[in-house]
Amino acid sequence: VLQARWEQYEFERDITAMVIAGEL
């Protein structure tokens, strides 16, 4: 469960970084 939550956190963090950088 912890591993899945951490992977979800990393995924959402990467998406946020892409939004801020205008990559999407």
PDB file of all heavy atoms in Angstrom:
ATOM      1  N   VAL A   1       0.841  -1.205   0.000  1.00  0.00           N
ATOM      2  CA  VAL A   1       0.000   0.000   0.000  1.00  0.00           C
ATOM      3  C   VAL A   1       0.873   1.251   0.000  1.00  0.00           C
ATOM      4  O   VAL A   1       0.634   2.213  -0.747  1.00  0.00           O
ATOM      5  CB  VAL A   1      -0.948  -0.007   1.208  1.00  0.00           C
ATOM      6  CG1 VAL A   1      -1.685   1.324   1.327  1.00  0.00           C
ATOM      7  CG2 VAL A   1      -1.954  -1.142   1.082  1.00  0.00           C
ATOM      8  N   LEU A   2       1.904   1.259   0.860  1.00  0.00           N
ATOM      9  CA  LEU A   2       2.805   2.400   0.914  1.00  0.00           C
ATOM     10  C   LEU A   2       3.505   2.628  -0.429  1.00  0.00           C
ATOM     11  O   LEU A   2       3.635   3.766  -0.893  1.00  0.00           O
ATOM     12  CB  LEU A   2       3.845   2.188   2.010  1.00  0.00           C
ATOM     13  CG  LEU A   2       3.376   2.397   3.457  1.00  0.00           C
ATOM     14  CD1 LEU A   2       4.457   1.953   4.419  1.00  0.00           C
ATOM     15  CD2 LEU A   2       3.019   3.851   3.700  1.00  0.00           C
ATOM     16  N   GLN A   3       3.943   1.545  -1.063  1.00  0.00           N
ATOM     17  CA  GLN A   3       4.620   1.662  -2.354  1.00  0.00           C
ATOM     18  C   GLN A   3       3.679   2.236  -3.411  1.00  0.00           C
ATOM     19  O   GLN A   3       4.062   3.113  -4.202  1.00  0.00           O
ATOM     20  CB  GLN A   3       5.151   0.297  -2.791  1.00  0.00           C
ATOM     21  CG  GLN A   3       5.903   0.299  -4.112  1.00  0.00           C
ATOM     22  CD  GLN A   3       7.196   1.089  -4.033  1.00  0.00           C
ATOM     23  OE1 GLN A   3       7.787   1.184  -2.951  1.00  0.00           O
ATOM     24  NE2 GLN A   3       7.624   1.661  -5.145  1.00  0.00           N
ATOM     25  N   ALA A   4       2.428   1.752  -3.415  1.00  0.00           N
ATOM     26  CA  ALA A   4       1.465   2.255  -4.388  1.00  0.00           C
ATOM     27  C   ALA A   4       1.168   3.741  -4.156  1.00  0.00           C
ATOM     28  O   ALA A   4       1.069   4.532  -5.115  1.00  0.00           O
ATOM     29  CB  ALA A   4       0.180   1.435  -4.322  1.00  0.00           C
ATOM     30  N   ARG A   5       1.040   4.119  -2.858  1.00  0.00           N
ATOM     31  CA  ARG A   5       0.772   5.532  -2.559  1.00  0.00           C
ATOM     32  C   ARG A   5       1.960   6.407  -2.984  1.00  0.00           C
ATOM     33  O   ARG A   5       1.780   7.523  -3.471  1.00  0.00           O
ATOM     34  CB  ARG A   5       0.498   5.684  -1.063  1.00  0.00           C
ATOM     35  CG  ARG A   5      -0.801   5.031  -0.589  1.00  0.00           C
ATOM     36  CD  ARG A   5      -2.017   5.824  -1.027  1.00  0.00           C
ATOM     37  NE  ARG A   5      -2.051   7.141  -0.440  1.00  0.00           N
ATOM     38  CZ  ARG A   5      -2.552   7.419   0.768  1.00  0.00           C
ATOM     39  NH1 ARG A   5      -3.063   6.437   1.491  1.00  0.00           N
ATOM     40  NH2 ARG A   5      -2.555   8.642   1.228  1.00  0.00           N
ATOM     41  N   TRP A   6       3.172   5.911  -2.766  1.00  0.00           N
ATOM     42  CA  TRP A   6       4.354   6.693  -3.139  1.00  0.00           C
ATOM     43  C   TRP A   6       4.442   6.852  -4.651  1.00  0.00           C
ATOM     44  O   TRP A   6       4.765   7.941  -5.155  1.00  0.00           O
ATOM     45  CB  TRP A   6       5.604   6.013  -2.603  1.00  0.00           C
ATOM     46  CG  TRP A   6       6.862   6.739  -2.991  1.00  0.00           C
ATOM     47  CD1 TRP A   6       7.760   6.385  -3.943  1.00  0.00           C
ATOM     48  CD2 TRP A   6       7.321   7.980  -2.447  1.00  0.00           C
ATOM     49  NE1 TRP A   6       8.764   7.317  -4.029  1.00  0.00           N
ATOM     50  CE2 TRP A   6       8.527   8.328  -3.121  1.00  0.00           C
ATOM     51  CE3 TRP A   6       6.847   8.849  -1.466  1.00  0.00           C
ATOM     52  CZ2 TRP A   6       9.236   9.476  -2.833  1.00  0.00           C
ATOM     53  CZ3 TRP A   6       7.567  10.003  -1.187  1.00  0.00           C
ATOM     54  CH2 TRP A   6       8.738  10.306  -1.856  1.00  0.00           C
ATOM     55  N   GLU A   7       4.170   5.784  -5.388  1.00  0.00           N
ATOM     56  CA  GLU A   7       4.209   5.873  -6.846  1.00  0.00           C
ATOM     57  C   GLU A   7       3.143   6.833  -7.354  1.00  0.00           C
ATOM     58  O   GLU A   7       3.375   7.592  -8.306  1.00  0.00           O
ATOM     59  CB  GLU A   7       4.022   4.488  -7.453  1.00  0.00           C
ATOM     60  CG  GLU A   7       5.191   3.553  -7.192  1.00  0.00           C
ATOM     61  CD  GLU A   7       4.947   2.147  -7.689  1.00  0.00           C
ATOM     62  OE1 GLU A   7       3.804   1.883  -8.162  1.00  0.00           O
ATOM     63  OE2 GLU A   7       5.864   1.311  -7.615  1.00  0.00           O
ATOM     64  N   GLN A   8       1.958   6.843  -6.713  1.00  0.00           N
ATOM     65  CA  GLN A   8       0.910   7.787  -7.091  1.00  0.00           C
ATOM     66  C   GLN A   8       1.358   9.228  -6.817  1.00  0.00           C
ATOM     67  O   GLN A   8       1.128  10.139  -7.622  1.00  0.00           O
ATOM     68  CB  GLN A   8      -0.369   7.473  -6.315  1.00  0.00           C
ATOM     69  CG  GLN A   8      -1.531   8.432  -6.568  1.00  0.00           C
ATOM     70  CD  GLN A   8      -2.089   8.315  -7.978  1.00  0.00           C
ATOM     71  OE1 GLN A   8      -1.865   7.314  -8.651  1.00  0.00           O
ATOM     72  NE2 GLN A   8      -2.804   9.345  -8.429  1.00  0.00           N
ATOM     73  N   TYR A   9       2.024   9.415  -5.670  1.00  0.00           N
ATOM     74  CA  TYR A   9       2.525  10.754  -5.329  1.00  0.00           C
ATOM     75  C   TYR A   9       3.552  11.232  -6.362  1.00  0.00           C
ATOM     76  O   TYR A   9       3.508  12.384  -6.825  1.00  0.00           O
ATOM     77  CB  TYR A   9       3.150  10.711  -3.937  1.00  0.00           C
ATOM     78  CG  TYR A   9       4.007  11.912  -3.608  1.00  0.00           C
ATOM     79  CD1 TYR A   9       3.441  13.166  -3.405  1.00  0.00           C
ATOM     80  CD2 TYR A   9       5.394  11.781  -3.501  1.00  0.00           C
ATOM     81  CE1 TYR A   9       4.244  14.271  -3.101  1.00  0.00           C
ATOM     82  CE2 TYR A   9       6.194  12.868  -3.205  1.00  0.00           C
ATOM     83  CZ  TYR A   9       5.611  14.111  -3.003  1.00  0.00           C
ATOM     84  OH  TYR A   9       6.394  15.197  -2.723  1.00  0.00           O
ATOM     85  N   GLU A  10       4.487  10.344  -6.744  1.00  0.00           N
ATOM     86  CA  GLU A  10       5.496  10.734  -7.726  1.00  0.00           C
ATOM     87  C   GLU A  10       4.865  11.057  -9.077  1.00  0.00           C
ATOM     88  O   GLU A  10       5.273  11.995  -9.768  1.00  0.00           O
ATOM     89  CB  GLU A  10       6.528   9.611  -7.879  1.00  0.00           C
ATOM     90  CG  GLU A  10       7.451   9.457  -6.680  1.00  0.00           C
ATOM     91  CD  GLU A  10       8.543   8.442  -6.943  1.00  0.00           C
ATOM     92  OE1 GLU A  10       8.218   7.375  -7.547  1.00  0.00           O
ATOM     93  OE2 GLU A  10       9.698   8.685  -6.561  1.00  0.00           O
ATOM     94  N   PHE A  11       3.839  10.271  -9.480  1.00  0.00           N
ATOM     95  CA  PHE A  11       3.157  10.508 -10.745  1.00  0.00           C
ATOM     96  C   PHE A  11       2.489  11.888 -10.742  1.00  0.00           C
ATOM     97  O   PHE A  11       2.645  12.682 -11.678  1.00  0.00           O
ATOM     98  CB  PHE A  11       2.118   9.407 -10.977  1.00  0.00           C
ATOM     99  CG  PHE A  11       1.214   9.648 -12.156  1.00  0.00           C
ATOM    100  CD1 PHE A  11       1.658   9.452 -13.457  1.00  0.00           C
ATOM    101  CD2 PHE A  11      -0.092  10.094 -11.955  1.00  0.00           C
ATOM    102  CE1 PHE A  11       0.819   9.683 -14.536  1.00  0.00           C
ATOM    103  CE2 PHE A  11      -0.933  10.332 -13.027  1.00  0.00           C
ATOM    104  CZ  PHE A  11      -0.473  10.128 -14.329  1.00  0.00           C
ATOM    105  N   GLU A  12       1.762  12.184  -9.663  1.00  0.00           N
ATOM    106  CA  GLU A  12       1.076  13.478  -9.598  1.00  0.00           C
ATOM    107  C   GLU A  12       2.078  14.628  -9.518  1.00  0.00           C
ATOM    108  O   GLU A  12       1.832  15.713 -10.055  1.00  0.00           O
ATOM    109  CB  GLU A  12       0.138  13.492  -8.394  1.00  0.00           C
ATOM    110  CG  GLU A  12      -1.021  12.512  -8.530  1.00  0.00           C
ATOM    111  CD  GLU A  12      -1.946  12.544  -7.330  1.00  0.00           C
ATOM    112  OE1 GLU A  12      -1.633  13.267  -6.363  1.00  0.00           O
ATOM    113  OE2 GLU A  12      -2.991  11.844  -7.363  1.00  0.00           O
ATOM    114  N   ARG A  13       3.216  14.398  -8.846  1.00  0.00           N
ATOM    115  CA  ARG A  13       4.246  15.450  -8.783  1.00  0.00           C
ATOM    116  C   ARG A  13       4.818  15.736 -10.167  1.00  0.00           C
ATOM    117  O   ARG A  13       5.025  16.901 -10.547  1.00  0.00           O
ATOM    118  CB  ARG A  13       5.357  14.991  -7.838  1.00  0.00           C
ATOM    119  CG  ARG A  13       6.451  16.042  -7.621  1.00  0.00           C
ATOM    120  CD  ARG A  13       7.618  15.440  -6.876  1.00  0.00           C
ATOM    121  NE  ARG A  13       8.211  14.343  -7.637  1.00  0.00           N
ATOM    122  CZ  ARG A  13       9.202  13.583  -7.165  1.00  0.00           C
ATOM    123  NH1 ARG A  13       9.685  13.798  -5.962  1.00  0.00           N
ATOM    124  NH2 ARG A  13       9.709  12.623  -7.917  1.00  0.00           N
ATOM    125  N   ASP A  14       5.056  14.680 -10.955  1.00  0.00           N
ATOM    126  CA  ASP A  14       5.587  14.875 -12.307  1.00  0.00           C
ATOM    127  C   ASP A  14       4.579  15.595 -13.193  1.00  0.00           C
ATOM    128  O   ASP A  14       4.945  16.465 -14.001  1.00  0.00           O
ATOM    129  CB  ASP A  14       5.954  13.520 -12.919  1.00  0.00           C
ATOM    130  CG  ASP A  14       7.140  12.868 -12.208  1.00  0.00           C
ATOM    131  OD1 ASP A  14       7.845  13.581 -11.467  1.00  0.00           O
ATOM    132  OD2 ASP A  14       7.325  11.642 -12.369  1.00  0.00           O
ATOM    133  N   ILE A  15       3.291  15.237 -13.067  1.00  0.00           N
ATOM    134  CA  ILE A  15       2.255  15.910 -13.855  1.00  0.00           C
ATOM    135  C   ILE A  15       2.201  17.391 -13.502  1.00  0.00           C
ATOM    136  O   ILE A  15       2.096  18.272 -14.370  1.00  0.00           O
ATOM    137  CB  ILE A  15       0.896  15.238 -13.628  1.00  0.00           C
ATOM    138  CG1 ILE A  15       0.892  13.819 -14.208  1.00  0.00           C
ATOM    139  CG2 ILE A  15      -0.224  16.062 -14.238  1.00  0.00           C
ATOM    140  CD1 ILE A  15       1.097  13.769 -15.709  1.00  0.00           C
ATOM    141  N   THR A  16       2.299  17.684 -12.179  1.00  0.00           N
ATOM    142  CA  THR A  16       2.262  19.090 -11.750  1.00  0.00           C
ATOM    143  C   THR A  16       3.439  19.866 -12.330  1.00  0.00           C
ATOM    144  O   THR A  16       3.298  21.003 -12.791  1.00  0.00           O
ATOM    145  CB  THR A  16       2.293  19.153 -10.211  1.00  0.00           C
ATOM    146  OG1 THR A  16       1.174  18.457  -9.682  1.00  0.00           O
ATOM    147  CG2 THR A  16       2.254  20.598  -9.736  1.00  0.00           C
ATOM    148  N   ALA A  17       4.616  19.232 -12.315  1.00  0.00           N
ATOM    149  CA  ALA A  17       5.800  19.904 -12.870  1.00  0.00           C
ATOM    150  C   ALA A  17       5.622  20.166 -14.364  1.00  0.00           C
ATOM    151  O   ALA A  17       6.027  21.228 -14.884  1.00  0.00           O
ATOM    152  CB  ALA A  17       7.035  19.038 -12.625  1.00  0.00           C
ATOM    153  N   MET A  18       5.017  19.228 -15.083  1.00  0.00           N
ATOM    154  CA  MET A  18       4.796  19.409 -16.517  1.00  0.00           C
ATOM    155  C   MET A  18       3.794  20.529 -16.769  1.00  0.00           C
ATOM    156  O   MET A  18       3.936  21.304 -17.728  1.00  0.00           O
ATOM    157  CB  MET A  18       4.306  18.100 -17.134  1.00  0.00           C
ATOM    158  CG  MET A  18       5.348  16.984 -17.113  1.00  0.00           C
ATOM    159  SD  MET A  18       4.705  15.405 -17.728  1.00  0.00           S
ATOM    160  CE  MET A  18       4.471  15.816 -19.453  1.00  0.00           C
ATOM    161  N   VAL A  19       2.757  20.633 -15.914  1.00  0.00           N
ATOM    162  CA  VAL A  19       1.775  21.714 -16.080  1.00  0.00           C
ATOM    163  C   VAL A  19       2.425  23.065 -15.871  1.00  0.00           C
ATOM    164  O   VAL A  19       2.223  24.018 -16.639  1.00  0.00           O
ATOM    165  CB  VAL A  19       0.599  21.498 -15.099  1.00  0.00           C
ATOM    166  CG1 VAL A  19      -0.305  22.729 -15.079  1.00  0.00           C
ATOM    167  CG2 VAL A  19      -0.197  20.258 -15.480  1.00  0.00           C
ATOM    168  N   ILE A  20       3.236  23.158 -14.785  1.00  0.00           N
ATOM    169  CA  ILE A  20       3.898  24.438 -14.494  1.00  0.00           C
ATOM    170  C   ILE A  20       4.842  24.834 -15.633  1.00  0.00           C
ATOM    171  O   ILE A  20       4.933  26.011 -16.018  1.00  0.00           O
ATOM    172  CB  ILE A  20       4.668  24.335 -13.159  1.00  0.00           C
ATOM    173  CG1 ILE A  20       3.675  24.138 -12.002  1.00  0.00           C
ATOM    174  CG2 ILE A  20       5.529  25.567 -12.924  1.00  0.00           C
ATOM    175  CD1 ILE A  20       4.341  23.892 -10.664  1.00  0.00           C
ATOM    176  N   ALA A  21       5.547  23.854 -16.203  1.00  0.00           N
ATOM    177  CA  ALA A  21       6.497  24.151 -17.285  1.00  0.00           C
ATOM    178  C   ALA A  21       5.817  24.326 -18.638  1.00  0.00           C
ATOM    179  O   ALA A  21       6.474  24.656 -19.632  1.00  0.00           O
ATOM    180  CB  ALA A  21       7.547  23.031 -17.370  1.00  0.00           C
ATOM    181  N   GLY A  22       4.512  24.094 -18.708  1.00  0.00           N
ATOM    182  CA  GLY A  22       3.793  24.230 -19.959  1.00  0.00           C
ATOM    183  C   GLY A  22       4.015  23.084 -20.921  1.00  0.00           C
ATOM    184  O   GLY A  22       3.713  23.215 -22.118  1.00  0.00           O
ATOM    185  N   GLU A  23       4.548  21.959 -20.424  1.00  0.00           N
ATOM    186  CA  GLU A  23       4.835  20.835 -21.311  1.00  0.00           C
ATOM    187  C   GLU A  23       3.557  20.240 -21.900  1.00  0.00           C
ATOM    188  O   GLU A  23       3.523  19.837 -23.066  1.00  0.00           O
ATOM    189  CB  GLU A  23       5.615  19.764 -20.554  1.00  0.00           C
ATOM    190  CG  GLU A  23       7.010  20.178 -20.148  1.00  0.00           C
ATOM    191  CD  GLU A  23       7.908  20.373 -21.358  1.00  0.00           C
ATOM    192  OE1 GLU A  23       7.737  19.625 -22.344  1.00  0.00           O
ATOM    193  OE2 GLU A  23       8.754  21.285 -21.346  1.00  0.00           O
ATOM    194  N   LEU A  24       2.496  20.178 -21.131  1.00  0.00           N
ATOM    195  CA  LEU A  24       1.260  19.571 -21.626  1.00  0.00           C
ATOM    196  C   LEU A  24       0.657  20.411 -22.745  1.00  0.00           C
ATOM    197  O   LEU A  24       0.119  19.872 -23.722  1.00  0.00           O
ATOM    198  CB  LEU A  24       0.258  19.397 -20.485  1.00  0.00           C
ATOM    199  CG  LEU A  24       0.632  18.381 -19.389  1.00  0.00           C
ATOM    200  CD1 LEU A  24      -0.515  18.232 -18.404  1.00  0.00           C
ATOM    201  CD2 LEU A  24       0.968  17.034 -20.008  1.00  0.00           C
TER     202      LEU A  24
END
